[in-house]
Structures are given as structure tokens and as C-alpha cells.
């Protein structure tokens, strides 16, 4: 009888210890996962890979290449660099797309525009959140106002996006921006 009681308490103790250990592992795993989520939008930024960085995978390889060549040729012609960044939901939240775009625009590795000239344009977009933002460098702002930028977004980018064709919307929007900038910018 004493032996069975001892065995019973031993099994109960072992069971409680296992439950506690499993709960602690789960808690540690959740903490680690939450920490990664907290770091993602604000932690180390991935290194840029050219002018078009498609972290959301919304463009095909051919489409990325077309956009990359378009922006690269424009930069060689005018001296104005334009970066296109699609953000995955792991990189930003819907209500912080503007801030995330700004962070990428200002980061030393991403610094879009010539050093000291502040003549770059950064286009941040998220298909998942149905949002986009265009940030104009200080040298661009006098020749392309916020109102004009928003008009280009509404008339050139958004129609393609609404129809589900993010490549065409981005391409059309870039062409519109480039036409305005090419006419007005003196490098």
C-alpha cells in the first residue's frame, strides 16, 4: 500500500514537472517569436539589391528586370535615383508603411539619392495592405509637390493596382513620375 502511494505521488510529481517544462518551452518559443515580430519592421534592414526590391514577391523576374532597367536608365540620364520597394507583412504593418518607407529611405545602406544632394525618390508599396507611399528627397520636393505626387499616384499607379496588375500600375506610375521629373529637374 505504501509502495503504491509512493509510486502514485512520484507519477503525479513527474507529470506536473513535465507539464511545467512544456509550458515553459512554449512560453520561451512565443517570446522568441514575438521578439522577431517586434524586431522585423524596425531592426536590421535587408541590404538593397538594385533599384527594385520586391520583398512581397509581387513582380515576376521579367517584370523586376523591366522596372530595374527603366529606373537605372532614368538615373543615368537624369541623375535622379528612384527605388521601388514592396514590403511584406513581416516587414511592416498597415499603419506604419509610411514610417517603414522613410526608414528605408534614410538608412545608410539604402540612402537613395546622391550623398549631399538628397535627390532621390522612394516608392514603398504593399499589395497585402493595399497601400503605397512615395517619398521625394529634399531636392525633388520643390519641383514635384506632394499634391502632384498624390495626383500621379491616383491617376497612374492606382488604376493598375485596382485591376490587380501591380507591374502595370508601377510601370505606368514610374513613367508618369519620370516624365515630370525629366522636364523639371536640372542636375
N, C-alpha and C. Protein backbone atom coordinates (compact mmCIF):
# COMPACT_ATOMS: atom_id res chain seq x y z
N UNK A 1 0.82 -1.19 0.00
CA UNK A 1 0.00 0.00 0.00
C UNK A 1 0.87 1.27 0.00
N UNK A 2 1.90 1.28 0.89
CA UNK A 2 2.80 2.42 0.95
C UNK A 2 3.53 2.59 -0.38
N UNK A 3 3.88 1.46 -0.94
CA UNK A 3 4.61 1.50 -2.20
C UNK A 3 3.74 2.08 -3.32
N UNK A 4 2.49 1.72 -3.38
CA UNK A 4 1.61 2.24 -4.43
C UNK A 4 1.33 3.74 -4.22
N UNK A 5 1.23 4.17 -2.96
CA UNK A 5 1.08 5.60 -2.68
C UNK A 5 2.33 6.37 -3.14
N UNK A 6 3.47 5.83 -2.79
CA UNK A 6 4.73 6.45 -3.17
C UNK A 6 4.83 6.54 -4.70
N UNK A 7 4.48 5.47 -5.37
CA UNK A 7 4.50 5.43 -6.83
C UNK A 7 3.50 6.43 -7.41
N UNK A 8 2.33 6.53 -6.80
CA UNK A 8 1.29 7.47 -7.24
C UNK A 8 1.81 8.91 -7.15
N UNK A 9 2.38 9.29 -6.00
CA UNK A 9 2.90 10.65 -5.81
C UNK A 9 4.10 10.93 -6.73
N UNK A 10 4.89 9.92 -6.96
CA UNK A 10 6.02 10.06 -7.86
C UNK A 10 5.53 10.34 -9.29
N UNK A 11 4.51 9.63 -9.73
CA UNK A 11 3.95 9.83 -11.07
C UNK A 11 3.30 11.21 -11.19
N UNK A 12 2.58 11.62 -10.14
CA UNK A 12 1.95 12.94 -10.15
C UNK A 12 3.03 14.02 -10.24
N UNK A 13 4.08 13.90 -9.44
CA UNK A 13 5.18 14.88 -9.46
C UNK A 13 5.84 14.93 -10.83
N UNK A 14 6.08 13.77 -11.40
CA UNK A 14 6.68 13.69 -12.73
C UNK A 14 5.78 14.34 -13.78
N UNK A 15 4.49 14.09 -13.68
CA UNK A 15 3.51 14.65 -14.61
C UNK A 15 3.50 16.18 -14.51
N UNK A 16 3.48 16.72 -13.29
CA UNK A 16 3.47 18.17 -13.08
C UNK A 16 4.76 18.79 -13.61
N UNK A 17 5.88 18.14 -13.37
CA UNK A 17 7.17 18.64 -13.85
C UNK A 17 7.19 18.69 -15.38
N UNK A 18 6.66 17.66 -16.03
CA UNK A 18 6.62 17.63 -17.50
C UNK A 18 5.72 18.74 -18.05
N UNK A 19 4.58 18.93 -17.41
CA UNK A 19 3.66 19.99 -17.86
C UNK A 19 4.33 21.35 -17.71
N UNK A 20 4.98 21.57 -16.58
CA UNK A 20 5.65 22.84 -16.34
C UNK A 20 6.76 23.08 -17.37
N UNK A 21 7.56 22.05 -17.64
CA UNK A 21 8.66 22.18 -18.61
C UNK A 21 8.12 22.47 -20.01
N UNK A 22 7.05 21.79 -20.40
CA UNK A 22 6.44 22.01 -21.72
C UNK A 22 5.87 23.42 -21.81
N UNK A 23 5.22 23.85 -20.74
CA UNK A 23 4.65 25.20 -20.73
C UNK A 23 5.76 26.25 -20.83
N UNK A 24 6.87 26.02 -20.13
CA UNK A 24 7.99 26.96 -20.18
C UNK A 24 8.60 27.01 -21.58
N UNK A 25 8.75 25.85 -22.23
CA UNK A 25 9.28 25.82 -23.60
C UNK A 25 8.36 26.58 -24.55
N UNK A 26 7.06 26.37 -24.38
CA UNK A 26 6.09 27.05 -25.24
C UNK A 26 6.16 28.56 -25.00
N UNK A 27 6.27 28.96 -23.73
CA UNK A 27 6.36 30.38 -23.39
C UNK A 27 7.62 30.99 -23.99
N UNK A 28 8.76 30.28 -23.89
CA UNK A 28 10.01 30.77 -24.47
C UNK A 28 9.91 30.89 -25.98
N UNK A 29 9.26 29.92 -26.61
CA UNK A 29 9.07 29.93 -28.06
C UNK A 29 8.22 31.12 -28.48
N UNK A 30 7.16 31.37 -27.74
CA UNK A 30 6.28 32.51 -28.05
C UNK A 30 7.04 33.82 -27.87
N UNK A 31 7.81 33.93 -26.77
CA UNK A 31 8.60 35.14 -26.54
C UNK A 31 9.56 35.38 -27.70
N UNK A 32 10.23 34.32 -28.14
CA UNK A 32 11.18 34.42 -29.24
C UNK A 32 10.47 34.88 -30.51
N UNK A 33 9.31 34.30 -30.79
CA UNK A 33 8.54 34.65 -31.98
C UNK A 33 8.07 36.10 -31.92
N UNK A 34 7.56 36.50 -30.77
CA UNK A 34 7.09 37.88 -30.60
C UNK A 34 8.27 38.83 -30.74
N UNK A 35 9.41 38.48 -30.21
CA UNK A 35 10.61 39.32 -30.32
C UNK A 35 10.98 39.51 -31.79
N UNK A 36 10.92 38.45 -32.58
CA UNK A 36 11.23 38.55 -34.00
C UNK A 36 10.25 39.48 -34.70
N UNK A 37 8.98 39.38 -34.33
CA UNK A 37 7.98 40.26 -34.93
C UNK A 37 8.26 41.70 -34.55
N UNK A 38 8.63 41.92 -33.29
CA UNK A 38 8.92 43.28 -32.85
C UNK A 38 10.14 43.85 -33.57
N UNK A 39 11.13 43.02 -33.85
CA UNK A 39 12.35 43.48 -34.48
C UNK A 39 12.17 43.70 -35.98
N UNK A 40 11.37 42.88 -36.63
CA UNK A 40 11.29 42.90 -38.09
C UNK A 40 11.10 44.27 -38.71
N UNK A 41 10.08 45.04 -38.34
CA UNK A 41 9.92 46.32 -39.02
C UNK A 41 10.96 47.36 -38.64
N UNK A 42 11.60 47.20 -37.50
CA UNK A 42 12.46 48.26 -37.02
C UNK A 42 13.90 47.82 -36.80
N UNK A 43 14.20 46.58 -36.98
CA UNK A 43 15.55 46.07 -36.74
C UNK A 43 16.44 46.24 -37.95
N UNK A 44 17.39 45.35 -38.09
CA UNK A 44 18.31 45.42 -39.22
C UNK A 44 17.55 45.33 -40.53
N UNK A 45 17.91 46.20 -41.45
CA UNK A 45 17.26 46.21 -42.75
C UNK A 45 18.02 45.29 -43.70
N UNK A 46 17.29 44.62 -44.58
CA UNK A 46 18.00 43.81 -45.58
C UNK A 46 18.78 44.74 -46.51
N UNK A 47 19.84 44.21 -47.09
CA UNK A 47 20.63 45.02 -48.00
C UNK A 47 19.88 45.21 -49.31
N UNK A 48 19.98 46.40 -49.89
CA UNK A 48 19.29 46.64 -51.16
C UNK A 48 19.93 45.81 -52.27
N UNK A 49 19.09 45.40 -53.20
CA UNK A 49 19.55 44.63 -54.34
C UNK A 49 19.10 45.36 -55.60
N UNK A 50 19.78 46.43 -55.92
CA UNK A 50 19.40 47.22 -57.09
C UNK A 50 18.37 48.27 -56.74
N UNK A 51 17.68 48.75 -57.76
CA UNK A 51 16.67 49.80 -57.59
C UNK A 51 15.30 49.23 -57.22
N UNK A 52 15.03 47.99 -57.58
CA UNK A 52 13.73 47.37 -57.32
C UNK A 52 13.93 46.23 -56.34
N UNK A 53 13.36 46.38 -55.16
CA UNK A 53 13.47 45.37 -54.11
C UNK A 53 12.08 44.88 -53.77
N UNK A 54 11.78 43.69 -54.25
CA UNK A 54 10.43 43.13 -54.18
C UNK A 54 10.33 42.09 -53.06
N UNK A 55 10.22 42.56 -51.83
CA UNK A 55 10.16 41.67 -50.68
C UNK A 55 8.80 40.97 -50.56
N UNK A 56 7.82 41.47 -51.28
CA UNK A 56 6.48 40.87 -51.24
C UNK A 56 6.28 39.89 -52.41
N UNK A 57 7.25 39.81 -53.29
CA UNK A 57 7.18 38.92 -54.46
C UNK A 57 5.93 39.16 -55.30
N UNK A 58 5.70 40.41 -55.64
CA UNK A 58 4.53 40.73 -56.47
C UNK A 58 4.89 40.85 -57.95
N UNK A 59 6.19 40.93 -58.25
CA UNK A 59 6.63 41.03 -59.63
C UNK A 59 7.33 39.73 -60.04
N UNK A 60 7.16 39.36 -61.30
CA UNK A 60 7.91 38.22 -61.83
C UNK A 60 9.36 38.68 -62.05
N UNK A 61 10.25 37.74 -62.31
CA UNK A 61 11.65 38.09 -62.56
C UNK A 61 11.75 39.01 -63.78
N UNK A 62 10.97 38.73 -64.81
CA UNK A 62 10.99 39.55 -66.02
C UNK A 62 10.48 40.97 -65.71
N UNK A 63 9.41 41.06 -64.93
CA UNK A 63 8.86 42.37 -64.57
C UNK A 63 9.85 43.18 -63.73
N UNK A 64 10.51 42.50 -62.78
CA UNK A 64 11.53 43.18 -61.96
C UNK A 64 12.65 43.73 -62.85
N UNK A 65 13.05 42.91 -63.81
CA UNK A 65 14.11 43.32 -64.73
C UNK A 65 13.70 44.54 -65.56
N UNK A 66 12.48 44.54 -66.05
CA UNK A 66 11.98 45.68 -66.83
C UNK A 66 11.97 46.95 -65.97
N UNK A 67 11.45 46.84 -64.74
CA UNK A 67 11.41 48.00 -63.85
C UNK A 67 12.82 48.46 -63.48
N UNK A 68 13.68 47.51 -63.20
CA UNK A 68 15.07 47.81 -62.85
C UNK A 68 15.76 48.58 -63.98
N UNK A 69 15.59 48.11 -65.20
CA UNK A 69 16.20 48.78 -66.36
C UNK A 69 15.62 50.17 -66.58
N UNK A 70 14.31 50.29 -66.40
CA UNK A 70 13.64 51.58 -66.56
C UNK A 70 14.22 52.61 -65.58
N UNK A 71 14.32 52.22 -64.33
CA UNK A 71 14.82 53.13 -63.29
C UNK A 71 16.32 53.40 -63.46
N UNK A 72 17.07 52.38 -63.79
CA UNK A 72 18.51 52.53 -64.00
C UNK A 72 18.80 53.48 -65.16
N UNK A 73 18.11 53.29 -66.27
CA UNK A 73 18.30 54.17 -67.43
C UNK A 73 17.93 55.62 -67.09
N UNK A 74 16.85 55.78 -66.32
CA UNK A 74 16.43 57.12 -65.92
C UNK A 74 17.48 57.78 -65.04
N UNK A 75 18.05 57.02 -64.13
CA UNK A 75 19.07 57.57 -63.24
C UNK A 75 20.32 57.97 -64.03
N UNK A 76 20.71 57.16 -65.00
CA UNK A 76 21.87 57.50 -65.83
C UNK A 76 21.62 58.77 -66.65
N UNK A 77 20.40 58.92 -67.10
CA UNK A 77 20.03 60.06 -67.95
C UNK A 77 19.88 61.37 -67.17
N UNK A 78 19.28 61.28 -65.97
CA UNK A 78 18.94 62.50 -65.22
C UNK A 78 19.73 62.70 -63.93
N UNK A 79 20.30 61.63 -63.42
CA UNK A 79 20.97 61.71 -62.12
C UNK A 79 20.02 61.52 -60.94
N UNK A 80 18.75 61.22 -61.23
CA UNK A 80 17.76 61.03 -60.17
C UNK A 80 17.56 59.54 -59.93
N UNK A 81 17.96 59.03 -58.77
CA UNK A 81 17.71 57.63 -58.47
C UNK A 81 16.30 57.43 -57.89
N UNK A 82 15.67 56.37 -58.32
CA UNK A 82 14.35 56.01 -57.81
C UNK A 82 14.43 54.58 -57.31
N UNK A 83 13.97 54.35 -56.09
CA UNK A 83 13.92 53.00 -55.54
C UNK A 83 12.47 52.58 -55.41
N UNK A 84 12.20 51.33 -55.77
CA UNK A 84 10.87 50.74 -55.62
C UNK A 84 11.02 49.60 -54.62
N UNK A 85 10.24 49.66 -53.54
CA UNK A 85 10.32 48.63 -52.50
C UNK A 85 8.92 48.12 -52.21
N UNK A 86 8.72 46.81 -52.41
CA UNK A 86 7.45 46.21 -51.97
C UNK A 86 7.73 45.54 -50.63
N UNK A 87 6.91 45.86 -49.65
CA UNK A 87 7.11 45.37 -48.28
C UNK A 87 6.20 44.19 -47.99
N UNK A 88 6.77 43.13 -47.44
CA UNK A 88 5.95 42.01 -46.99
C UNK A 88 5.32 42.38 -45.65
N UNK A 89 4.31 41.63 -45.25
CA UNK A 89 3.64 41.91 -43.98
C UNK A 89 4.55 41.63 -42.78
N UNK A 90 5.66 40.93 -42.99
CA UNK A 90 6.62 40.70 -41.91
C UNK A 90 7.51 41.93 -41.69
N UNK A 91 7.54 42.82 -42.67
CA UNK A 91 8.43 43.97 -42.59
C UNK A 91 7.75 45.22 -42.05
N UNK A 92 6.44 45.29 -42.17
CA UNK A 92 5.72 46.49 -41.74
C UNK A 92 4.29 46.13 -41.40
N UNK A 93 3.62 47.06 -40.77
CA UNK A 93 2.19 46.93 -40.51
C UNK A 93 1.49 47.95 -41.39
N UNK A 94 0.21 47.77 -41.60
CA UNK A 94 -0.54 48.66 -42.49
C UNK A 94 -0.41 50.12 -42.07
N UNK A 95 -0.49 50.37 -40.76
CA UNK A 95 -0.47 51.76 -40.30
C UNK A 95 0.94 52.33 -40.16
N UNK A 96 1.96 51.54 -40.48
CA UNK A 96 3.32 52.08 -40.38
C UNK A 96 4.09 51.99 -41.70
N UNK A 97 3.37 51.84 -42.81
CA UNK A 97 4.03 51.77 -44.11
C UNK A 97 4.81 53.06 -44.41
N UNK A 98 4.23 54.21 -44.08
CA UNK A 98 4.93 55.48 -44.31
C UNK A 98 6.24 55.53 -43.53
N UNK A 99 6.18 55.15 -42.26
CA UNK A 99 7.37 55.18 -41.41
C UNK A 99 8.42 54.18 -41.88
N UNK A 100 7.97 53.01 -42.31
CA UNK A 100 8.91 51.99 -42.80
C UNK A 100 9.57 52.46 -44.09
N UNK A 101 8.79 53.05 -44.97
CA UNK A 101 9.35 53.59 -46.21
C UNK A 101 10.38 54.67 -45.89
N UNK A 102 10.07 55.52 -44.94
CA UNK A 102 11.01 56.58 -44.52
C UNK A 102 12.28 55.97 -43.94
N UNK A 103 12.12 54.92 -43.15
CA UNK A 103 13.29 54.29 -42.55
C UNK A 103 14.21 53.74 -43.63
N UNK A 104 13.64 53.07 -44.62
CA UNK A 104 14.45 52.53 -45.71
C UNK A 104 15.09 53.67 -46.50
N UNK A 105 14.35 54.75 -46.72
CA UNK A 105 14.88 55.88 -47.49
C UNK A 105 16.07 56.53 -46.78
N UNK A 106 16.04 56.57 -45.46
CA UNK A 106 17.08 57.24 -44.70
C UNK A 106 18.22 56.34 -44.25
N UNK A 107 18.06 55.04 -44.36
CA UNK A 107 19.09 54.11 -43.89
C UNK A 107 20.37 54.29 -44.70
N UNK A 108 21.50 54.15 -44.04
CA UNK A 108 22.77 54.41 -44.72
C UNK A 108 22.98 53.48 -45.90
N UNK A 109 22.61 52.20 -45.77
CA UNK A 109 22.82 51.25 -46.87
C UNK A 109 21.83 51.50 -48.00
N UNK A 110 20.69 52.11 -47.66
CA UNK A 110 19.66 52.33 -48.66
C UNK A 110 19.71 53.74 -49.21
N UNK A 111 20.34 54.64 -48.52
CA UNK A 111 20.36 56.04 -48.91
C UNK A 111 20.12 56.26 -50.40
N UNK A 112 18.92 56.60 -50.75
CA UNK A 112 18.57 56.80 -52.16
C UNK A 112 18.83 58.26 -52.50
N UNK A 113 19.61 58.47 -53.52
CA UNK A 113 19.99 59.82 -53.92
C UNK A 113 21.48 59.99 -53.72
N UNK A 114 22.03 60.98 -54.37
CA UNK A 114 23.46 61.24 -54.25
C UNK A 114 23.74 61.85 -52.89
N UNK A 115 24.85 61.44 -52.29
CA UNK A 115 25.22 61.94 -50.97
C UNK A 115 25.30 63.46 -51.00
N UNK A 116 24.59 64.09 -50.11
CA UNK A 116 24.57 65.54 -50.02
C UNK A 116 23.58 66.20 -50.96
N UNK A 117 23.14 65.49 -52.01
CA UNK A 117 22.21 66.08 -52.98
C UNK A 117 20.76 65.86 -52.58
N UNK A 118 20.49 64.77 -51.88
CA UNK A 118 19.13 64.43 -51.42
C UNK A 118 18.13 64.51 -52.58
N UNK A 119 18.51 63.87 -53.68
CA UNK A 119 17.72 63.97 -54.91
C UNK A 119 17.03 62.65 -55.30
N UNK A 120 16.78 61.80 -54.34
CA UNK A 120 16.17 60.51 -54.65
C UNK A 120 14.67 60.49 -54.43
N UNK A 121 14.06 59.44 -54.98
CA UNK A 121 12.63 59.18 -54.81
C UNK A 121 12.50 57.73 -54.36
N UNK A 122 11.72 57.50 -53.31
CA UNK A 122 11.49 56.14 -52.82
C UNK A 122 10.00 55.84 -52.90
N UNK A 123 9.69 54.72 -53.55
CA UNK A 123 8.31 54.27 -53.67
C UNK A 123 8.16 53.02 -52.83
N UNK A 124 7.36 53.10 -51.78
CA UNK A 124 7.09 51.95 -50.92
C UNK A 124 5.67 51.49 -51.14
N UNK A 125 5.49 50.18 -51.31
CA UNK A 125 4.14 49.68 -51.54
C UNK A 125 3.93 48.33 -50.88
N UNK A 126 2.67 48.04 -50.62
CA UNK A 126 2.28 46.75 -50.06
C UNK A 126 0.97 46.31 -50.68
N UNK A 127 1.05 45.24 -51.42
CA UNK A 127 -0.16 44.67 -52.04
C UNK A 127 -1.10 44.15 -50.95
N UNK A 128 -0.53 43.50 -49.94
CA UNK A 128 -1.34 42.91 -48.87
C UNK A 128 -2.14 43.97 -48.12
N UNK A 129 -1.55 45.13 -47.92
CA UNK A 129 -2.23 46.19 -47.16
C UNK A 129 -2.94 47.20 -48.07
N UNK A 130 -2.81 47.05 -49.37
CA UNK A 130 -3.42 47.99 -50.33
C UNK A 130 -2.99 49.42 -50.04
N UNK A 131 -1.68 49.61 -49.85
CA UNK A 131 -1.16 50.93 -49.53
C UNK A 131 0.12 51.19 -50.32
N UNK A 132 0.39 52.46 -50.54
CA UNK A 132 1.66 52.85 -51.13
C UNK A 132 2.04 54.25 -50.66
N UNK A 133 3.31 54.56 -50.79
CA UNK A 133 3.81 55.87 -50.38
C UNK A 133 4.97 56.24 -51.27
N UNK A 134 5.02 57.49 -51.69
CA UNK A 134 6.16 58.00 -52.44
C UNK A 134 6.81 59.10 -51.61
N UNK A 135 8.10 58.95 -51.36
CA UNK A 135 8.86 59.96 -50.63
C UNK A 135 9.83 60.63 -51.59
N UNK A 136 9.74 61.93 -51.69
CA UNK A 136 10.64 62.71 -52.55
C UNK A 136 11.73 63.33 -51.70
N UNK A 137 12.98 63.23 -52.16
CA UNK A 137 14.09 63.86 -51.48
C UNK A 137 13.91 65.38 -51.46
N UNK A 138 14.65 66.04 -50.60
CA UNK A 138 14.52 67.50 -50.45
C UNK A 138 14.78 68.24 -51.76
N UNK A 139 15.67 67.74 -52.60
CA UNK A 139 15.96 68.41 -53.87
C UNK A 139 14.84 68.18 -54.89
N UNK A 140 14.02 67.18 -54.67
CA UNK A 140 12.91 66.86 -55.59
C UNK A 140 11.65 67.62 -55.19
N UNK A 141 11.46 67.86 -53.90
CA UNK A 141 10.23 68.48 -53.40
C UNK A 141 9.88 69.82 -54.05
N UNK A 142 10.83 70.70 -54.33
CA UNK A 142 10.45 71.97 -54.98
C UNK A 142 9.95 71.80 -56.42
N UNK A 143 10.32 70.72 -57.07
CA UNK A 143 9.89 70.54 -58.47
C UNK A 143 8.75 69.54 -58.62
N UNK A 144 8.48 68.80 -57.56
CA UNK A 144 7.37 67.84 -57.58
C UNK A 144 6.70 67.88 -56.20
N UNK A 145 5.61 68.61 -56.12
CA UNK A 145 4.95 68.82 -54.83
C UNK A 145 4.26 67.54 -54.35
N UNK A 146 3.89 67.56 -53.10
CA UNK A 146 3.14 66.44 -52.51
C UNK A 146 1.81 66.25 -53.24
N UNK A 147 1.15 67.35 -53.59
CA UNK A 147 -0.13 67.27 -54.30
C UNK A 147 0.05 66.63 -55.68
N UNK A 148 1.11 67.03 -56.39
CA UNK A 148 1.38 66.43 -57.70
C UNK A 148 1.75 64.95 -57.57
N UNK A 149 2.51 64.64 -56.55
CA UNK A 149 2.88 63.24 -56.31
C UNK A 149 1.62 62.41 -56.06
N UNK A 150 0.72 62.93 -55.24
CA UNK A 150 -0.54 62.22 -54.97
C UNK A 150 -1.40 62.09 -56.22
N UNK A 151 -1.35 63.09 -57.08
CA UNK A 151 -2.10 63.02 -58.34
C UNK A 151 -1.53 61.90 -59.23
N UNK A 152 -0.21 61.78 -59.29
CA UNK A 152 0.41 60.70 -60.07
C UNK A 152 0.02 59.35 -59.48
N UNK A 153 0.00 59.26 -58.16
CA UNK A 153 -0.41 58.01 -57.52
C UNK A 153 -1.83 57.66 -57.95
N UNK A 154 -2.73 58.63 -57.85
CA UNK A 154 -4.14 58.38 -58.16
C UNK A 154 -4.42 58.10 -59.62
N UNK A 155 -3.69 58.75 -60.52
CA UNK A 155 -4.00 58.59 -61.95
C UNK A 155 -3.15 57.54 -62.65
N UNK A 156 -1.98 57.23 -62.12
CA UNK A 156 -1.08 56.31 -62.83
C UNK A 156 -0.81 54.99 -62.11
N UNK A 157 -0.58 55.04 -60.81
CA UNK A 157 -0.30 53.80 -60.07
C UNK A 157 -1.58 53.03 -59.75
N UNK A 158 -2.52 53.72 -59.13
CA UNK A 158 -3.71 53.07 -58.57
C UNK A 158 -4.57 52.33 -59.59
N UNK A 159 -4.81 52.85 -60.79
CA UNK A 159 -5.64 52.09 -61.73
C UNK A 159 -5.11 50.68 -62.01
N UNK A 160 -3.81 50.55 -62.19
CA UNK A 160 -3.22 49.22 -62.39
C UNK A 160 -3.35 48.35 -61.16
N UNK A 161 -3.13 48.95 -59.99
CA UNK A 161 -3.24 48.20 -58.74
C UNK A 161 -4.66 47.72 -58.50
N UNK A 162 -5.62 48.59 -58.79
CA UNK A 162 -7.03 48.20 -58.59
C UNK A 162 -7.42 47.02 -59.46
N UNK A 163 -6.84 46.95 -60.65
CA UNK A 163 -7.17 45.83 -61.54
C UNK A 163 -6.34 44.59 -61.21
N UNK A 164 -5.48 44.69 -60.19
CA UNK A 164 -4.68 43.54 -59.77
C UNK A 164 -3.36 43.42 -60.51
N UNK A 165 -3.05 44.38 -61.38
CA UNK A 165 -1.81 44.33 -62.15
C UNK A 165 -0.81 45.31 -61.55
N UNK A 166 -0.07 44.82 -60.55
CA UNK A 166 0.87 45.68 -59.84
C UNK A 166 2.06 46.09 -60.72
N UNK A 167 2.44 45.22 -61.62
CA UNK A 167 3.53 45.59 -62.53
C UNK A 167 3.10 46.77 -63.40
N UNK A 168 1.95 46.66 -64.05
CA UNK A 168 1.50 47.72 -64.96
C UNK A 168 1.27 49.02 -64.21
N UNK A 169 0.69 48.94 -63.01
CA UNK A 169 0.49 50.14 -62.21
C UNK A 169 1.81 50.81 -61.85
N UNK A 170 2.78 49.99 -61.45
CA UNK A 170 4.09 50.53 -61.08
C UNK A 170 4.80 51.11 -62.31
N UNK A 171 4.73 50.39 -63.41
CA UNK A 171 5.36 50.85 -64.65
C UNK A 171 4.75 52.19 -65.10
N UNK A 172 3.42 52.25 -65.15
CA UNK A 172 2.74 53.49 -65.56
C UNK A 172 3.06 54.64 -64.62
N UNK A 173 3.06 54.35 -63.32
CA UNK A 173 3.37 55.38 -62.34
C UNK A 173 4.79 55.90 -62.47
N UNK A 174 5.73 54.97 -62.67
CA UNK A 174 7.12 55.39 -62.86
C UNK A 174 7.28 56.26 -64.10
N UNK A 175 6.64 55.86 -65.18
CA UNK A 175 6.73 56.64 -66.43
C UNK A 175 6.18 58.05 -66.22
N UNK A 176 5.07 58.17 -65.50
CA UNK A 176 4.49 59.50 -65.22
C UNK A 176 5.42 60.35 -64.36
N UNK A 177 5.94 59.75 -63.29
CA UNK A 177 6.88 60.47 -62.42
C UNK A 177 8.11 60.91 -63.21
N UNK A 178 8.63 60.00 -64.01
CA UNK A 178 9.84 60.29 -64.77
C UNK A 178 9.62 61.41 -65.78
N UNK A 179 8.45 61.42 -66.41
CA UNK A 179 8.15 62.48 -67.39
C UNK A 179 8.17 63.85 -66.72
N UNK A 180 7.56 63.94 -65.55
CA UNK A 180 7.53 65.22 -64.82
C UNK A 180 8.94 65.61 -64.37
N UNK A 181 9.65 64.66 -63.77
CA UNK A 181 10.98 64.96 -63.24
C UNK A 181 11.96 65.32 -64.35
N UNK A 182 11.87 64.63 -65.46
CA UNK A 182 12.80 64.89 -66.57
C UNK A 182 12.64 66.31 -67.11
N UNK A 183 11.41 66.78 -67.15
CA UNK A 183 11.14 68.14 -67.65
C UNK A 183 11.66 69.21 -66.68
N UNK A 184 11.53 68.94 -65.39
CA UNK A 184 11.76 70.00 -64.40
C UNK A 184 13.12 69.97 -63.69
N UNK A 185 13.74 68.81 -63.60
CA UNK A 185 14.95 68.69 -62.78
C UNK A 185 16.19 69.09 -63.56
N UNK A 186 17.01 69.90 -62.96
CA UNK A 186 18.30 70.30 -63.54
C UNK A 186 19.39 69.78 -62.62
N UNK A 187 20.18 68.83 -63.11
CA UNK A 187 21.25 68.29 -62.25
C UNK A 187 22.57 68.95 -62.49
